[in-house]
Protein backbone atom coordinates (compact mmCIF):
# COMPACT_ATOMS: atom_id res chain seq x y z
CA UNK A 1 299.33 165.16 101.68
CA UNK A 2 301.94 164.26 99.12
CA UNK A 3 302.44 160.69 97.98
CA UNK A 4 306.18 160.73 98.70
CA UNK A 5 305.62 161.85 102.28
CA UNK A 6 303.04 159.11 102.78
CA UNK A 7 305.53 156.53 101.48
CA UNK A 8 308.26 157.85 103.74
CA UNK A 9 306.04 157.66 106.84
CA UNK A 10 304.84 154.19 105.83
CA UNK A 11 308.38 152.86 105.34
CA UNK A 12 309.53 154.45 108.60
CA UNK A 13 306.65 152.89 110.51
CA UNK A 14 307.22 149.46 108.97
CA UNK A 15 310.96 149.60 109.71
CA UNK A 16 310.29 150.62 113.32
CA UNK A 17 307.69 147.90 113.77
CA UNK A 18 309.98 145.23 112.35
CA UNK A 19 312.82 146.40 114.61
CA UNK A 20 310.58 146.21 117.66
CA UNK A 21 309.42 142.74 116.62
CA UNK A 22 313.02 141.57 116.31
CA UNK A 23 313.73 142.87 119.82
CA UNK A 24 310.75 140.96 121.19
CA UNK A 25 311.87 137.79 119.43
CA UNK A 26 315.37 138.18 120.88
CA UNK A 27 313.91 138.53 124.37
CA UNK A 28 311.83 135.39 123.80
CA UNK A 29 314.97 133.57 122.69
CA UNK A 30 316.76 134.65 125.87
CA UNK A 31 313.82 133.30 127.88
CA UNK A 32 313.99 129.95 126.11
CA UNK A 33 317.74 129.71 126.69
CA UNK A 34 317.39 130.64 130.36
CA UNK A 35 314.81 127.88 130.91
CA UNK A 36 317.48 125.34 130.03
CA UNK A 37 320.28 126.87 132.09
CA UNK A 38 320.83 126.86 135.83
CA UNK A 39 320.52 130.04 137.89
CA UNK A 40 324.23 130.91 137.86
CA UNK A 41 324.77 130.76 134.11
CA UNK A 42 321.69 132.54 132.78
CA UNK A 43 321.86 135.30 130.19
CA UNK A 44 320.67 138.67 131.56
CA UNK A 45 317.75 140.22 129.74
CA UNK A 46 319.27 143.69 129.38
CA UNK A 47 322.96 142.94 128.76
CA UNK A 48 323.37 140.32 126.10
CA UNK A 49 325.07 139.94 122.77
CA UNK A 50 322.94 139.26 119.71
CA UNK A 51 325.44 136.69 118.44
CA UNK A 52 325.67 134.88 121.78
CA UNK A 53 321.90 134.51 121.97
CA UNK A 54 321.76 133.35 118.35
CA UNK A 55 324.49 130.71 118.87
CA UNK A 56 323.07 129.40 122.13
CA UNK A 57 319.55 129.20 120.76
CA UNK A 58 320.71 127.33 117.64
CA UNK A 59 322.65 124.88 119.81
CA UNK A 60 319.72 124.20 122.12
CA UNK A 61 316.96 124.32 119.50
CA UNK A 62 318.36 123.45 116.04
CA UNK A 63 314.91 123.57 114.42
CA UNK A 64 313.50 126.37 116.55
CA UNK A 65 310.94 128.78 115.14
CA UNK A 66 312.37 131.87 116.78
CA UNK A 67 315.60 131.73 114.80
CA UNK A 68 313.78 131.67 111.47
CA UNK A 69 311.40 134.40 112.58
CA UNK A 70 314.32 136.55 113.72
CA UNK A 71 316.00 136.24 110.32
CA UNK A 72 312.82 137.19 108.47
CA UNK A 73 311.96 140.14 110.70
CA UNK A 74 315.53 141.47 110.70
CA UNK A 75 315.67 141.32 106.90
CA UNK A 76 312.31 143.09 106.68
CA UNK A 77 313.54 145.81 109.04
CA UNK A 78 316.64 146.29 106.92
CA UNK A 79 314.70 146.42 103.65
CA UNK A 80 312.18 148.95 105.00
CA UNK A 81 314.96 151.07 106.51
CA UNK A 82 316.78 151.16 103.16
CA UNK A 83 313.53 152.07 101.40
CA UNK A 84 312.98 154.84 103.95
CA UNK A 85 316.53 156.10 103.39
CA UNK A 86 316.05 156.10 99.63
CA UNK A 87 312.76 157.91 99.98
CA UNK A 88 314.21 160.55 102.31
CA UNK A 89 317.41 161.37 100.46
CA UNK A 90 316.04 161.30 96.95
CA UNK A 91 317.65 158.32 95.33
CA UNK A 92 314.45 158.03 93.32
CA UNK A 93 314.09 161.65 92.16
CA UNK A 94 310.49 161.23 90.98
CA UNK A 95 309.24 160.48 94.50
CA UNK A 96 311.88 162.18 96.65
CA UNK A 97 311.16 164.62 99.42
CA UNK A 98 311.70 168.26 98.46
CA UNK A 99 315.07 169.74 99.32
CA UNK A 100 315.07 172.85 101.45
């Protein structure tokens, strides 16, 4: 197996894993917010805005761990996705995938 294909699959897997981790952290943040709210004003688990959850969580928990973890994991997902894109479309010609 070629080295460039291995790198592409590795970056794709890392980007997917980091994206899934950020989704799980967001759901945990929604759960923490909903514990503090009454039944009529809770945030639904499947229809929420990323920014609304972020703002509410930072208001309720200014030094919360989930907000820092979400920033780190989202940045990692972005970095690995960009690396995967570069690997796929040949920005680095030495290690790019062959064109067909």
